[in-house]
């Protein structure tokens, strides 16, 4: 990823933080956004201490003006200008995994899941479009919860299904490669313990940003099986 610029929302923890570090290790200029401004500063400092070129902007993906500012900053961060990869990893989950059934969901939880996990992906891709370089890729982390109808995940699952639909829409309506990545169960604050360490699956995003076949990624969901088959 030498010479490329990558943006990661939700880039201060969990999958987003691990992906930002993996992109930096691969040579990319990395720009992170997240709600916690102190965490953004700490993440940028850690990336720079590791030898990367990095920047960050406090970003709430529910606010398109925040997102616009993040993407404009990113477009100027790299030596070549523009953006080559966007990872829309910002997300929230109000409740404990598996214990938020749809029929007992509050309106406030539904609204914030949708605004952050669904509309936030829409805003991220929409605001990125004017800055995307030729061949740029947009990656949306997802999970089986978006598709398998497993009980107890309520509006969080609904919002993840929305994010997948948003990615398919942009894939259909733009010339850019927009796809979803399902890394399986990952141990994060959102999904709880018991999954893979985020650092284990971060290389999957480097592969998707660089080497995954564009026609297989665009508008689709690629998982661990496709990644491992391609890289073993």
Protein backbone atom coordinates (compact mmCIF):
# COMPACT_ATOMS: atom_id res chain seq x y z
CA UNK A 1 0.00 0.00 0.00
CA UNK A 2 2.99 2.29 -0.46
CA UNK A 3 1.85 5.69 -1.68
CA UNK A 4 -1.81 5.01 -0.87
CA UNK A 5 -4.05 6.83 1.56
CA UNK A 6 -6.55 4.92 3.68
CA UNK A 7 -9.33 6.19 5.94
CA UNK A 8 -10.71 4.14 8.83
CA UNK A 9 -13.78 5.26 10.76
CA UNK A 10 -14.04 3.72 14.19
CA UNK A 11 -10.27 3.56 13.92
CA UNK A 12 -9.39 3.87 17.61
CA UNK A 13 -10.52 0.46 18.89
CA UNK A 14 -11.46 -3.06 17.90
CA UNK A 15 -11.37 -3.99 14.24
CA UNK A 16 -10.87 -0.39 13.12
CA UNK A 17 -7.76 0.11 15.26
CA UNK A 18 -6.24 -3.19 14.11
CA UNK A 19 -6.96 -2.40 10.46
CA UNK A 20 -5.44 1.08 10.77
CA UNK A 21 -2.24 -0.47 12.16
CA UNK A 22 -2.17 -3.13 9.44
CA UNK A 23 -2.59 -0.51 6.71
CA UNK A 24 0.19 1.57 8.26
CA UNK A 25 2.47 -1.47 8.39
CA UNK A 26 1.72 -2.04 4.71
CA UNK A 27 2.98 1.46 3.90
CA UNK A 28 -0.24 3.46 3.64
CA UNK A 29 -0.86 6.94 4.97
CA UNK A 30 -3.64 6.32 7.48
CA UNK A 31 -6.32 8.76 8.64
CA UNK A 32 -8.57 7.68 11.51
CA UNK A 33 -11.87 9.05 12.72
CA UNK A 34 -13.79 8.31 15.92
CA UNK A 35 -16.06 10.04 18.42
CA UNK A 36 -13.47 10.20 21.22
CA UNK A 37 -11.02 12.96 20.33
CA UNK A 38 -8.48 11.86 22.94
CA UNK A 39 -8.53 8.33 21.55
CA UNK A 40 -7.98 9.72 18.05
CA UNK A 41 -4.91 11.62 19.23
CA UNK A 42 -3.55 8.57 21.05
CA UNK A 43 -4.07 6.34 18.02
CA UNK A 44 -2.37 8.77 15.66
CA UNK A 45 0.56 9.10 18.05
CA UNK A 46 0.92 5.31 18.26
CA UNK A 47 0.87 4.96 14.47
CA UNK A 48 3.45 7.71 14.08
CA UNK A 49 5.65 6.17 16.78
CA UNK A 50 5.61 2.97 14.72
CA UNK A 51 6.92 4.92 11.72
CA UNK A 52 3.68 5.57 9.86
CA UNK A 53 2.35 8.75 8.32
CA UNK A 54 -0.96 9.28 10.10
CA UNK A 55 -3.61 11.84 10.90
CA UNK A 56 -6.92 11.87 12.68
CA UNK A 57 -10.12 13.85 13.07
CA UNK A 58 -12.70 13.56 15.81
CA UNK A 59 -15.64 12.18 13.86
CA UNK A 60 -19.19 11.20 14.72
CA UNK A 61 -20.47 9.33 11.67
CA UNK A 62 -24.01 10.34 12.59
CA UNK A 63 -23.03 13.88 11.56
CA UNK A 64 -22.30 14.18 7.86
CA UNK A 65 -20.41 17.45 8.43
CA UNK A 66 -17.98 15.57 10.68
CA UNK A 67 -17.62 12.91 8.03
CA UNK A 68 -17.09 15.49 5.30
CA UNK A 69 -14.31 17.09 7.34
CA UNK A 70 -12.62 13.71 7.93
CA UNK A 71 -12.63 12.81 4.24
CA UNK A 72 -11.41 16.25 3.14
CA UNK A 73 -8.55 15.98 5.64
CA UNK A 74 -7.69 12.51 4.38
CA UNK A 75 -7.66 13.63 0.75
CA UNK A 76 -4.81 16.01 1.59
CA UNK A 77 -2.87 13.73 3.95
CA UNK A 78 -0.95 11.59 1.49
CA UNK A 79 1.81 12.62 -0.85
CA UNK A 80 -0.23 11.71 -3.93
CA UNK A 81 -3.53 13.27 -2.89
CA UNK A 82 -6.96 11.67 -2.83
CA UNK A 83 -8.09 8.50 -1.08
CA UNK A 84 -7.40 4.92 -2.13
CA UNK A 85 -9.26 2.92 0.52
CA UNK A 86 -12.04 3.61 2.99
CA UNK A 87 -13.00 1.26 5.82
CA UNK A 88 -16.37 2.16 7.36
CA UNK A 89 -15.78 0.43 10.71
CA UNK A 90 -17.54 2.82 13.11
CA UNK A 91 -20.31 1.05 14.99
CA UNK A 92 -22.30 0.85 18.20
CA UNK A 93 -24.29 -1.83 20.02
CA UNK A 94 -26.62 -0.80 22.83
CA UNK A 95 -26.96 -3.84 25.04
CA UNK A 96 -25.35 -7.23 25.50
CA UNK A 97 -24.83 -9.44 22.44
CA UNK A 98 -27.69 -11.87 22.05
CA UNK A 99 -29.81 -10.20 24.70
CA UNK A 100 -31.54 -7.44 22.74
CA UNK A 101 -34.56 -9.06 21.06
CA UNK A 102 -36.39 -6.98 18.49
CA UNK A 103 -39.72 -7.10 20.29
CA UNK A 104 -38.22 -5.47 23.40
CA UNK A 105 -36.05 -2.92 21.60
CA UNK A 106 -36.37 0.73 22.59
CA UNK A 107 -36.93 3.38 19.97
CA UNK A 108 -33.79 5.18 21.08
CA UNK A 109 -31.62 2.07 20.63
CA UNK A 110 -33.17 1.37 17.22
CA UNK A 111 -32.62 4.93 16.09
CA UNK A 112 -28.98 5.09 17.19
CA UNK A 113 -28.10 1.68 15.75
CA UNK A 114 -29.57 2.75 12.42
CA UNK A 115 -27.99 6.23 12.47
CA UNK A 116 -24.54 4.95 13.35
CA UNK A 117 -24.28 1.52 11.75
CA UNK A 118 -26.48 2.12 8.72
CA UNK A 119 -26.71 5.81 7.90
CA UNK A 120 -23.13 6.27 9.12
CA UNK A 121 -21.90 3.90 6.42
CA UNK A 122 -23.98 5.79 3.86
CA UNK A 123 -22.49 9.13 4.96
CA UNK A 124 -18.95 7.74 4.94
CA UNK A 125 -19.19 6.42 1.40
CA UNK A 126 -21.13 9.41 0.08
CA UNK A 127 -18.66 11.93 1.47
CA UNK A 128 -15.70 9.85 0.29
CA UNK A 129 -16.82 9.73 -3.33
CA UNK A 130 -15.49 13.15 -4.44
CA UNK A 131 -12.05 12.24 -3.10
CA UNK A 132 -11.67 8.64 -4.29
CA UNK A 133 -8.83 7.93 -6.68
CA UNK A 134 -9.18 5.66 -9.69
CA UNK A 135 -9.25 2.08 -8.47
CA UNK A 136 -10.19 3.04 -4.92
CA UNK A 137 -11.97 0.49 -2.75
CA UNK A 138 -14.49 0.88 0.04
CA UNK A 139 -14.74 -1.87 2.66
CA UNK A 140 -17.58 -2.34 5.14
CA UNK A 141 -17.02 -4.76 8.04
CA UNK A 142 -20.05 -6.98 8.64
CA UNK A 143 -21.02 -10.24 10.26
CA UNK A 144 -23.33 -13.19 9.94
CA UNK A 145 -25.74 -11.43 12.31
CA UNK A 146 -26.76 -9.28 9.33
CA UNK A 147 -28.01 -12.35 7.46
CA UNK A 148 -28.67 -15.33 9.71
CA UNK A 149 -31.71 -14.18 11.69
CA UNK A 150 -30.15 -15.26 14.98
CA UNK A 151 -32.40 -14.29 17.89
CA UNK A 152 -31.49 -11.66 20.44
CA UNK A 153 -29.70 -9.13 18.24
CA UNK A 154 -32.64 -6.86 17.44
CA UNK A 155 -31.98 -3.55 15.78
CA UNK A 156 -28.21 -4.09 15.84
CA UNK A 157 -28.66 -6.94 13.35
CA UNK A 158 -31.10 -4.82 11.37
CA UNK A 159 -28.56 -1.99 11.19
CA UNK A 160 -25.82 -4.34 9.98
CA UNK A 161 -28.14 -5.63 7.26
CA UNK A 162 -28.75 -2.00 6.34
CA UNK A 163 -25.00 -1.42 6.06
CA UNK A 164 -24.69 -4.35 3.65
CA UNK A 165 -27.55 -2.97 1.57
CA UNK A 166 -25.91 0.46 1.49
CA UNK A 167 -22.67 -1.11 0.23
CA UNK A 168 -24.55 -3.00 -2.51
CA UNK A 169 -26.29 0.21 -3.56
CA UNK A 170 -23.05 2.12 -3.99
CA UNK A 171 -21.50 -0.85 -5.76
CA UNK A 172 -24.39 -0.86 -8.23
CA UNK A 173 -24.53 2.88 -8.78
CA UNK A 174 -20.86 3.93 -8.86
CA UNK A 175 -17.72 2.88 -10.66
CA UNK A 176 -15.91 2.13 -7.41
CA UNK A 177 -15.41 -1.26 -5.80
CA UNK A 178 -17.58 -1.34 -2.68
CA UNK A 179 -17.87 -4.56 -0.72
CA UNK A 180 -18.37 -6.08 2.71
CA UNK A 181 -15.96 -8.22 4.72
CA UNK A 182 -17.13 -10.79 7.25
CA UNK A 183 -14.18 -11.75 9.46
CA UNK A 184 -16.23 -14.11 11.61
CA UNK A 185 -16.50 -13.73 15.36
CA UNK A 186 -14.03 -11.11 16.61
CA UNK A 187 -13.46 -10.24 20.26
CA UNK A 188 -14.41 -6.56 20.55
CA UNK A 189 -16.41 -4.33 22.88
CA UNK A 190 -19.34 -4.65 20.49
CA UNK A 191 -19.43 -8.43 20.08
CA UNK A 192 -17.98 -9.50 23.42
CA UNK A 193 -15.27 -12.02 24.21
CA UNK A 194 -14.77 -15.41 22.64
CA UNK A 195 -13.74 -14.46 19.12
CA UNK A 196 -10.54 -13.91 17.20
CA UNK A 197 -8.20 -11.12 18.16
CA UNK A 198 -8.72 -8.13 15.82
CA UNK A 199 -5.03 -8.25 14.89
CA UNK A 200 -5.55 -11.76 13.49
CA UNK A 201 -8.10 -10.65 10.94
CA UNK A 202 -6.66 -7.22 10.06
CA UNK A 203 -4.54 -8.67 7.21
CA UNK A 204 -7.82 -9.69 5.57
CA UNK A 205 -8.56 -6.00 5.05
CA UNK A 206 -5.13 -5.37 3.52
CA UNK A 207 -5.84 -8.21 1.08
CA UNK A 208 -9.28 -6.78 0.26
CA UNK A 209 -7.82 -3.31 -0.25
CA UNK A 210 -5.12 -4.54 -2.63
CA UNK A 211 -5.37 -8.05 -4.04
CA UNK A 212 -8.93 -9.37 -3.74
CA UNK A 213 -10.47 -9.72 -7.23
CA UNK A 214 -12.54 -6.60 -7.82
CA UNK A 215 -15.36 -8.50 -9.51
CA UNK A 216 -15.67 -10.84 -6.51
CA UNK A 217 -15.61 -8.06 -3.91
CA UNK A 218 -17.83 -5.46 -5.57
CA UNK A 219 -21.34 -5.60 -4.13
CA UNK A 220 -20.60 -8.83 -2.30
CA UNK A 221 -19.69 -10.18 1.12
CA UNK A 222 -16.31 -11.91 1.32
CA UNK A 223 -15.38 -13.95 4.37
CA UNK A 224 -12.57 -15.86 5.98
CA UNK A 225 -12.89 -18.74 3.53
CA UNK A 226 -12.29 -16.53 0.48
CA UNK A 227 -9.39 -14.76 2.16
CA UNK A 228 -7.67 -17.92 3.32
CA UNK A 229 -8.20 -19.66 -0.01
CA UNK A 230 -6.63 -16.73 -1.84
CA UNK A 231 -3.65 -16.29 0.47
CA UNK A 232 -2.67 -19.77 1.63
